[in-house]
C-alpha cells in the first residue's frame, strides 16, 4: 500500500503497526518521535496503531551531542 514517510512516497505491506513500520525502516526507536497525519502519536500507541493506505508520517530521530 502507498503511504508517505517524511514527505516521500513509500510502498509498504498491509497489516503493519507503526512499531513494525519503524522496524521495516530500520529506525532505532529509542529516541524517535512519530507524527501520523499531522498528529503526534504517543509511543504507547505504536504497537496498536495500524498503518493505513494514504497515511502520512513524519519521523524524527532525536540526536544528542555537545
Protein backbone atom coordinates (compact mmCIF):
# COMPACT_ATOMS: atom_id res chain seq x y z
CA UNK A 1 0.00 0.00 0.00
CA UNK A 2 1.13 3.57 -0.56
CA UNK A 3 1.99 5.96 2.28
CA UNK A 4 4.27 8.96 2.75
CA UNK A 5 7.26 8.98 5.09
CA UNK A 6 8.93 12.33 5.71
CA UNK A 7 7.31 13.75 2.59
CA UNK A 8 8.45 10.93 0.30
CA UNK A 9 6.18 8.26 -1.21
CA UNK A 10 6.73 4.77 0.18
CA UNK A 11 5.27 1.36 -0.56
CA UNK A 12 4.76 -0.94 2.43
CA UNK A 13 2.97 -4.21 3.11
CA UNK A 14 -0.51 -4.14 4.56
CA UNK A 15 -1.01 -5.16 8.18
CA UNK A 16 1.92 -3.22 9.67
CA UNK A 17 1.67 -1.48 13.00
CA UNK A 18 3.54 1.79 13.40
CA UNK A 19 6.12 -0.09 15.50
CA UNK A 20 6.57 -2.60 12.66
CA UNK A 21 6.85 0.27 10.17
CA UNK A 22 9.70 1.76 12.19
CA UNK A 23 11.44 -1.64 12.27
CA UNK A 24 10.90 -2.00 8.50
CA UNK A 25 12.53 1.40 8.01
CA UNK A 26 15.49 0.37 10.22
CA UNK A 27 14.80 3.08 12.78
CA UNK A 28 16.22 2.82 16.29
CA UNK A 29 13.09 3.58 18.30
CA UNK A 30 14.94 4.73 21.41
CA UNK A 31 14.88 8.41 20.50
CA UNK A 32 12.20 8.78 17.84
CA UNK A 33 9.09 10.94 17.58
CA UNK A 34 6.29 9.98 15.20
CA UNK A 35 3.67 12.23 13.70
CA UNK A 36 0.82 10.45 11.88
CA UNK A 37 -1.48 12.51 9.67
CA UNK A 38 -0.43 15.74 11.43
CA UNK A 39 -0.99 14.36 14.96
CA UNK A 40 1.80 13.28 17.31
CA UNK A 41 1.41 9.57 18.00
CA UNK A 42 2.32 8.64 21.58
CA UNK A 43 4.85 5.83 21.92
CA UNK A 44 2.41 3.65 23.89
CA UNK A 45 0.12 3.53 20.82
CA UNK A 46 2.76 2.46 18.25
CA UNK A 47 2.05 -1.27 18.56
CA UNK A 48 -1.75 -0.90 18.41
CA UNK A 49 -1.95 1.69 15.61
CA UNK A 50 -2.12 0.13 12.18
CA UNK A 51 -0.64 1.81 9.11
CA UNK A 52 -3.37 2.65 6.60
CA UNK A 53 -3.20 3.46 2.90
CA UNK A 54 -2.51 7.15 2.23
CA UNK A 55 -1.23 7.77 5.79
CA UNK A 56 1.44 10.44 6.09
CA UNK A 57 4.22 10.05 8.65
CA UNK A 58 6.86 12.45 9.82
CA UNK A 59 9.50 10.52 11.75
CA UNK A 60 12.18 12.42 13.61
CA UNK A 61 15.21 10.81 15.19
CA UNK A 62 16.47 12.89 18.09
CA UNK A 63 20.23 13.30 18.27
CA UNK A 64 22.12 14.39 21.34
CA UNK A 65 25.50 15.97 21.39
CA UNK A 66 27.52 18.68 22.83
